[in-house]
């Protein structure tokens, strides 16, 4: 895996994808995109749970991006490097669970778009996690 993709490229792919994901969730939050294409179709545009769930999504996405940026070297972690290394494994686990959820979802958009992208992101997160 180390020879297939560099740490920097894996980190950049993850950061770019997380940035796009944050924009996506903000567009759902602003109701530019329909709410039924996220959360497995469990919420609707008129649902009162749309705002808190999408805010949680945006905040988690930003937290994951900070962890990846620290591992990639864009943010200096200094004495928190051990926490960053553990955090990357947490990012890997979250993305792995997300990938499984996307494949299991009954929403075609998640199955066809997010699931294949999630596979690539899981591989990138794994590449970063195994890097010393």
N, C-alpha and C. Protein backbone atom coordinates (compact mmCIF):
# COMPACT_ATOMS: atom_id res chain seq x y z
N UNK A 1 0.84 -1.20 0.00
CA UNK A 1 0.00 0.00 0.00
C UNK A 1 0.87 1.25 0.00
N UNK A 2 2.02 1.19 0.71
CA UNK A 2 2.90 2.35 0.79
C UNK A 2 3.40 2.79 -0.58
N UNK A 3 3.57 1.84 -1.49
CA UNK A 3 4.08 2.18 -2.81
C UNK A 3 2.98 2.64 -3.76
N UNK A 4 1.75 2.32 -3.45
CA UNK A 4 0.64 2.70 -4.32
C UNK A 4 0.26 4.17 -4.17
N UNK A 5 0.31 4.67 -2.95
CA UNK A 5 -0.12 6.04 -2.70
C UNK A 5 0.74 6.64 -1.58
N UNK A 6 1.17 7.86 -1.78
CA UNK A 6 1.98 8.53 -0.76
C UNK A 6 1.10 9.02 0.39
N UNK A 7 1.74 9.26 1.51
CA UNK A 7 1.03 9.79 2.67
C UNK A 7 0.41 11.15 2.34
N UNK A 8 1.18 11.99 1.66
CA UNK A 8 0.71 13.33 1.32
C UNK A 8 -0.52 13.26 0.40
N UNK A 9 -0.46 12.38 -0.61
CA UNK A 9 -1.59 12.25 -1.53
C UNK A 9 -2.82 11.71 -0.79
N UNK A 10 -2.63 10.71 0.06
CA UNK A 10 -3.75 10.17 0.83
C UNK A 10 -4.37 11.26 1.70
N UNK A 11 -3.52 12.04 2.37
CA UNK A 11 -4.02 13.13 3.20
C UNK A 11 -4.74 14.19 2.40
N UNK A 12 -4.17 14.55 1.25
CA UNK A 12 -4.81 15.56 0.39
C UNK A 12 -6.16 15.07 -0.15
N UNK A 13 -6.23 13.80 -0.53
CA UNK A 13 -7.52 13.25 -0.99
C UNK A 13 -8.55 13.29 0.13
N UNK A 14 -8.12 12.92 1.33
CA UNK A 14 -9.04 12.96 2.47
C UNK A 14 -9.48 14.38 2.79
N UNK A 15 -8.54 15.31 2.81
CA UNK A 15 -8.89 16.70 3.11
C UNK A 15 -9.82 17.29 2.05
N UNK A 16 -9.53 17.03 0.80
CA UNK A 16 -10.41 17.52 -0.27
C UNK A 16 -11.80 16.93 -0.16
N UNK A 17 -11.87 15.63 0.10
CA UNK A 17 -13.17 14.96 0.23
C UNK A 17 -13.93 15.45 1.45
N UNK A 18 -13.22 15.65 2.56
CA UNK A 18 -13.89 16.15 3.76
C UNK A 18 -14.38 17.58 3.55
N UNK A 19 -13.62 18.37 2.81
CA UNK A 19 -14.06 19.72 2.48
C UNK A 19 -15.34 19.70 1.65
N UNK A 20 -15.35 18.82 0.64
CA UNK A 20 -16.56 18.69 -0.19
C UNK A 20 -17.73 18.15 0.64
N UNK A 21 -17.44 17.24 1.55
CA UNK A 21 -18.50 16.70 2.41
C UNK A 21 -19.08 17.78 3.31
N UNK A 22 -18.24 18.65 3.84
CA UNK A 22 -18.72 19.75 4.68
C UNK A 22 -19.63 20.67 3.87
N UNK A 23 -19.21 20.99 2.65
CA UNK A 23 -20.04 21.84 1.77
C UNK A 23 -21.36 21.14 1.48
N UNK A 24 -21.31 19.83 1.21
CA UNK A 24 -22.52 19.06 0.94
C UNK A 24 -23.49 19.15 2.11
N UNK A 25 -22.99 18.93 3.34
CA UNK A 25 -23.88 18.98 4.51
C UNK A 25 -24.41 20.39 4.75
N UNK A 26 -23.62 21.39 4.46
CA UNK A 26 -24.10 22.77 4.59
C UNK A 26 -25.21 23.03 3.57
N UNK A 27 -25.07 22.51 2.37
CA UNK A 27 -26.13 22.67 1.35
C UNK A 27 -27.41 21.95 1.76
N UNK A 28 -27.29 20.79 2.41
CA UNK A 28 -28.47 20.11 2.93
C UNK A 28 -29.09 20.94 4.05
N UNK A 29 -28.24 21.47 4.91
CA UNK A 29 -28.70 22.31 6.02
C UNK A 29 -29.44 23.54 5.52
N UNK A 30 -28.94 24.13 4.45
CA UNK A 30 -29.58 25.31 3.85
C UNK A 30 -30.75 24.95 2.94
N UNK A 31 -31.02 23.66 2.83
CA UNK A 31 -32.13 23.11 2.02
C UNK A 31 -31.96 23.34 0.52
N UNK A 32 -30.71 23.51 0.11
CA UNK A 32 -30.41 23.57 -1.32
C UNK A 32 -30.49 22.16 -1.89
N UNK A 33 -30.06 21.18 -1.10
CA UNK A 33 -30.17 19.77 -1.45
C UNK A 33 -31.22 19.13 -0.56
N UNK A 34 -31.95 18.13 -1.06
CA UNK A 34 -33.00 17.51 -0.24
C UNK A 34 -32.42 16.70 0.92
N UNK A 35 -33.11 16.74 2.04
CA UNK A 35 -32.65 16.06 3.26
C UNK A 35 -32.80 14.54 3.16
N UNK A 36 -33.65 14.07 2.28
CA UNK A 36 -33.87 12.62 2.23
C UNK A 36 -32.73 11.85 1.56
N UNK A 37 -31.67 12.55 1.12
CA UNK A 37 -30.53 11.83 0.54
C UNK A 37 -29.43 11.61 1.57
N UNK A 38 -29.65 12.01 2.82
CA UNK A 38 -28.68 11.78 3.90
C UNK A 38 -29.36 11.01 5.02
N UNK A 39 -28.55 10.52 5.93
CA UNK A 39 -29.05 9.79 7.10
C UNK A 39 -29.94 8.61 6.70
N UNK A 40 -29.60 7.98 5.60
CA UNK A 40 -30.34 6.80 5.16
C UNK A 40 -31.78 7.12 4.79
N UNK A 41 -32.07 8.38 4.47
CA UNK A 41 -33.42 8.79 4.11
C UNK A 41 -34.35 8.91 5.29
N UNK A 42 -33.81 8.88 6.50
CA UNK A 42 -34.63 8.88 7.72
C UNK A 42 -35.21 10.23 8.08
N UNK A 43 -34.65 11.32 7.54
CA UNK A 43 -35.20 12.63 7.86
C UNK A 43 -35.71 13.30 6.60
N UNK A 44 -36.65 14.19 6.79
CA UNK A 44 -37.25 14.94 5.69
C UNK A 44 -36.90 16.42 5.85
N UNK A 45 -37.12 17.20 4.78
CA UNK A 45 -36.82 18.63 4.83
C UNK A 45 -37.57 19.34 5.94
N UNK A 46 -38.77 18.91 6.22
CA UNK A 46 -39.59 19.58 7.22
C UNK A 46 -39.31 19.09 8.64
N UNK A 47 -38.46 18.11 8.80
CA UNK A 47 -38.19 17.51 10.10
C UNK A 47 -37.42 18.47 11.00
N UNK A 48 -37.78 18.45 12.28
CA UNK A 48 -37.07 19.29 13.25
C UNK A 48 -35.70 18.70 13.58
N UNK A 49 -35.45 17.46 13.20
CA UNK A 49 -34.16 16.84 13.48
C UNK A 49 -33.12 17.17 12.41
N UNK A 50 -33.53 17.82 11.32
CA UNK A 50 -32.60 18.14 10.25
C UNK A 50 -31.45 19.03 10.74
N UNK A 51 -31.76 20.11 11.43
CA UNK A 51 -30.71 21.05 11.86
C UNK A 51 -29.70 20.41 12.80
N UNK A 52 -30.14 19.78 13.90
CA UNK A 52 -29.12 19.22 14.81
C UNK A 52 -28.30 18.10 14.16
N UNK A 53 -28.93 17.23 13.39
CA UNK A 53 -28.20 16.14 12.77
C UNK A 53 -27.18 16.64 11.75
N UNK A 54 -27.55 17.62 10.96
CA UNK A 54 -26.62 18.16 9.96
C UNK A 54 -25.52 18.99 10.61
N UNK A 55 -25.82 19.67 11.70
CA UNK A 55 -24.77 20.40 12.42
C UNK A 55 -23.76 19.43 13.02
N UNK A 56 -24.25 18.33 13.54
CA UNK A 56 -23.36 17.29 14.05
C UNK A 56 -22.47 16.77 12.92
N UNK A 57 -23.06 16.55 11.76
CA UNK A 57 -22.30 16.08 10.60
C UNK A 57 -21.21 17.06 10.22
N UNK A 58 -21.54 18.34 10.18
CA UNK A 58 -20.56 19.36 9.80
C UNK A 58 -19.43 19.42 10.84
N UNK A 59 -19.77 19.41 12.11
CA UNK A 59 -18.76 19.50 13.17
C UNK A 59 -17.84 18.28 13.18
N UNK A 60 -18.41 17.09 13.02
CA UNK A 60 -17.59 15.88 12.96
C UNK A 60 -16.69 15.91 11.74
N UNK A 61 -17.21 16.35 10.62
CA UNK A 61 -16.41 16.45 9.40
C UNK A 61 -15.23 17.39 9.60
N UNK A 62 -15.47 18.52 10.24
CA UNK A 62 -14.38 19.47 10.51
C UNK A 62 -13.36 18.90 11.49
N UNK A 63 -13.81 18.18 12.50
CA UNK A 63 -12.90 17.55 13.44
C UNK A 63 -12.02 16.51 12.73
N UNK A 64 -12.62 15.72 11.87
CA UNK A 64 -11.86 14.73 11.11
C UNK A 64 -10.82 15.42 10.22
N UNK A 65 -11.21 16.54 9.63
CA UNK A 65 -10.29 17.29 8.76
C UNK A 65 -9.10 17.83 9.57
N UNK A 66 -9.34 18.29 10.78
CA UNK A 66 -8.25 18.79 11.63
C UNK A 66 -7.28 17.65 11.96
N UNK A 67 -7.80 16.48 12.27
CA UNK A 67 -6.95 15.33 12.57
C UNK A 67 -6.10 14.96 11.35
N UNK A 68 -6.73 14.91 10.19
CA UNK A 68 -6.01 14.56 8.96
C UNK A 68 -4.98 15.63 8.62
N UNK A 69 -5.34 16.90 8.79
CA UNK A 69 -4.40 17.99 8.52
C UNK A 69 -3.20 17.91 9.45
N UNK A 70 -3.42 17.53 10.69
CA UNK A 70 -2.31 17.38 11.64
C UNK A 70 -1.42 16.20 11.25
N UNK A 71 -2.01 15.10 10.86
CA UNK A 71 -1.23 13.92 10.47
C UNK A 71 -0.44 14.19 9.19
N UNK A 72 -1.03 14.95 8.28
CA UNK A 72 -0.39 15.25 7.00
C UNK A 72 0.69 16.32 7.15
N UNK A 73 0.66 17.06 8.25
CA UNK A 73 1.68 18.07 8.50
C UNK A 73 1.26 19.49 8.22
N UNK A 74 0.01 19.70 7.83
CA UNK A 74 -0.48 21.06 7.59
C UNK A 74 -0.70 21.83 8.88
N UNK A 75 -0.99 21.09 9.96
CA UNK A 75 -1.13 21.66 11.29
C UNK A 75 -0.07 20.99 12.15
N UNK A 76 0.69 21.77 12.88
CA UNK A 76 1.73 21.22 13.75
C UNK A 76 1.10 20.71 15.04
N UNK A 77 1.27 19.42 15.31
CA UNK A 77 0.66 18.80 16.49
C UNK A 77 1.57 18.83 17.70
N UNK A 78 2.88 18.94 17.49
CA UNK A 78 3.87 18.98 18.57
C UNK A 78 3.65 17.87 19.59
N UNK A 79 3.28 18.20 20.79
CA UNK A 79 3.16 17.19 21.85
C UNK A 79 1.87 16.36 21.75
N UNK A 80 1.01 16.69 20.80
CA UNK A 80 -0.24 15.95 20.62
C UNK A 80 -0.13 14.90 19.51
N UNK A 81 1.08 14.58 19.08
CA UNK A 81 1.25 13.66 17.97
C UNK A 81 0.67 12.28 18.27
N UNK A 82 0.78 11.81 19.50
CA UNK A 82 0.20 10.51 19.86
C UNK A 82 -1.32 10.56 19.71
N UNK A 83 -1.93 11.66 20.15
CA UNK A 83 -3.38 11.82 20.01
C UNK A 83 -3.77 11.87 18.53
N UNK A 84 -2.96 12.52 17.72
CA UNK A 84 -3.23 12.58 16.28
C UNK A 84 -3.15 11.18 15.67
N UNK A 85 -2.12 10.42 16.06
CA UNK A 85 -1.98 9.06 15.53
C UNK A 85 -3.17 8.18 15.92
N UNK A 86 -3.63 8.31 17.14
CA UNK A 86 -4.83 7.57 17.57
C UNK A 86 -6.05 8.10 16.82
N UNK A 87 -6.11 9.43 16.66
CA UNK A 87 -7.23 10.04 15.95
C UNK A 87 -7.36 9.56 14.52
N UNK A 88 -6.25 9.31 13.85
CA UNK A 88 -6.30 8.82 12.47
C UNK A 88 -6.91 7.42 12.43
N UNK A 89 -6.59 6.60 13.42
CA UNK A 89 -7.23 5.28 13.49
C UNK A 89 -8.73 5.42 13.76
N UNK A 90 -9.11 6.42 14.55
CA UNK A 90 -10.54 6.69 14.79
C UNK A 90 -11.20 7.15 13.48
N UNK A 91 -10.51 8.01 12.73
CA UNK A 91 -11.02 8.44 11.43
C UNK A 91 -11.22 7.23 10.53
N UNK A 92 -10.24 6.34 10.50
CA UNK A 92 -10.35 5.12 9.70
C UNK A 92 -11.59 4.32 10.11
N UNK A 93 -11.79 4.15 11.42
CA UNK A 93 -12.95 3.37 11.91
C UNK A 93 -14.27 4.05 11.54
N UNK A 94 -14.32 5.37 11.69
CA UNK A 94 -15.55 6.10 11.33
C UNK A 94 -15.85 5.96 9.85
N UNK A 95 -14.82 6.12 9.03
CA UNK A 95 -15.02 5.99 7.58
C UNK A 95 -15.40 4.57 7.19
N UNK A 96 -14.83 3.59 7.87
CA UNK A 96 -15.19 2.20 7.60
C UNK A 96 -16.66 1.95 7.93
N UNK A 97 -17.10 2.43 9.09
CA UNK A 97 -18.52 2.29 9.46
C UNK A 97 -19.42 3.05 8.49
N UNK A 98 -18.98 4.23 8.08
CA UNK A 98 -19.74 5.02 7.11
C UNK A 98 -19.86 4.28 5.78
N UNK A 99 -18.77 3.66 5.36
CA UNK A 99 -18.80 2.91 4.12
C UNK A 99 -19.80 1.75 4.20
N UNK A 100 -19.79 1.04 5.30
CA UNK A 100 -20.73 -0.07 5.49
C UNK A 100 -22.16 0.46 5.48
N UNK A 101 -22.39 1.58 6.16
CA UNK A 101 -23.73 2.17 6.20
C UNK A 101 -24.17 2.63 4.81
N UNK A 102 -23.26 3.17 4.03
CA UNK A 102 -23.61 3.61 2.68
C UNK A 102 -24.00 2.42 1.80
N UNK A 103 -23.28 1.32 1.92
CA UNK A 103 -23.63 0.13 1.14
C UNK A 103 -24.95 -0.47 1.60
N UNK A 104 -25.26 -0.36 2.91
CA UNK A 104 -26.48 -0.94 3.46
C UNK A 104 -27.69 -0.03 3.30
N UNK A 105 -27.48 1.22 2.96
CA UNK A 105 -28.56 2.19 2.87
C UNK A 105 -29.54 1.82 1.76
N UNK A 106 -30.77 2.17 1.97
CA UNK A 106 -31.79 1.97 0.95
C UNK A 106 -31.90 3.14 -0.01
N UNK A 107 -31.05 4.16 0.17
CA UNK A 107 -31.08 5.34 -0.67
C UNK A 107 -30.09 5.14 -1.81
N UNK A 108 -30.61 5.18 -3.04
CA UNK A 108 -29.77 4.91 -4.21
C UNK A 108 -28.59 5.86 -4.31
N UNK A 109 -28.80 7.13 -3.97
CA UNK A 109 -27.73 8.13 -4.02
C UNK A 109 -26.54 7.70 -3.14
N UNK A 110 -26.85 7.21 -1.94
CA UNK A 110 -25.78 6.77 -1.04
C UNK A 110 -25.10 5.52 -1.58
N UNK A 111 -25.88 4.59 -2.12
CA UNK A 111 -25.31 3.36 -2.67
C UNK A 111 -24.41 3.61 -3.87
N UNK A 112 -24.84 4.47 -4.76
CA UNK A 112 -24.14 4.65 -6.03
C UNK A 112 -23.03 5.70 -5.97
N UNK A 113 -23.18 6.71 -5.15
CA UNK A 113 -22.20 7.80 -5.11
C UNK A 113 -21.30 7.69 -3.88
N UNK A 114 -21.90 7.69 -2.70
CA UNK A 114 -21.11 7.75 -1.47
C UNK A 114 -20.36 6.45 -1.16
N UNK A 115 -20.95 5.30 -1.45
CA UNK A 115 -20.30 4.04 -1.09
C UNK A 115 -18.96 3.85 -1.82
N UNK A 116 -18.90 4.02 -3.15
CA UNK A 116 -17.59 3.87 -3.81
C UNK A 116 -16.57 4.91 -3.36
N UNK A 117 -17.02 6.14 -3.13
CA UNK A 117 -16.12 7.17 -2.63
C UNK A 117 -15.62 6.79 -1.24
N UNK A 118 -16.50 6.23 -0.42
CA UNK A 118 -16.12 5.82 0.93
C UNK A 118 -15.04 4.74 0.90
N UNK A 119 -15.07 3.86 -0.08
CA UNK A 119 -14.04 2.83 -0.19
C UNK A 119 -12.67 3.48 -0.38
N UNK A 120 -12.59 4.46 -1.27
CA UNK A 120 -11.34 5.17 -1.52
C UNK A 120 -10.88 5.90 -0.26
N UNK A 121 -11.81 6.54 0.44
CA UNK A 121 -11.47 7.29 1.65
C UNK A 121 -10.98 6.35 2.76
N UNK A 122 -11.58 5.19 2.87
CA UNK A 122 -11.14 4.21 3.86
C UNK A 122 -9.71 3.78 3.57
N UNK A 123 -9.40 3.52 2.31
CA UNK A 123 -8.04 3.14 1.93
C UNK A 123 -7.04 4.26 2.21
N UNK A 124 -7.44 5.50 1.94
CA UNK A 124 -6.57 6.65 2.23
C UNK A 124 -6.34 6.80 3.73
N UNK A 125 -7.39 6.64 4.52
CA UNK A 125 -7.26 6.74 5.97
C UNK A 125 -6.38 5.63 6.52
N UNK A 126 -6.51 4.44 5.95
CA UNK A 126 -5.66 3.33 6.37
C UNK A 126 -4.19 3.65 6.05
N UNK A 127 -3.97 4.21 4.87
CA UNK A 127 -2.60 4.57 4.47
C UNK A 127 -1.99 5.57 5.46
N UNK A 128 -2.76 6.55 5.88
CA UNK A 128 -2.28 7.52 6.85
C UNK A 128 -2.07 6.88 8.22
N UNK A 129 -2.98 6.00 8.60
CA UNK A 129 -2.92 5.40 9.93
C UNK A 129 -1.68 4.52 10.10
N UNK A 130 -1.26 3.84 9.07
CA UNK A 130 -0.11 2.95 9.21
C UNK A 130 1.21 3.71 9.08
N UNK A 131 1.17 4.98 8.69
CA UNK A 131 2.37 5.80 8.56
C UNK A 131 2.86 6.20 9.96
N UNK A 132 4.14 6.09 10.16
CA UNK A 132 4.72 6.43 11.48
C UNK A 132 4.81 7.90 11.62
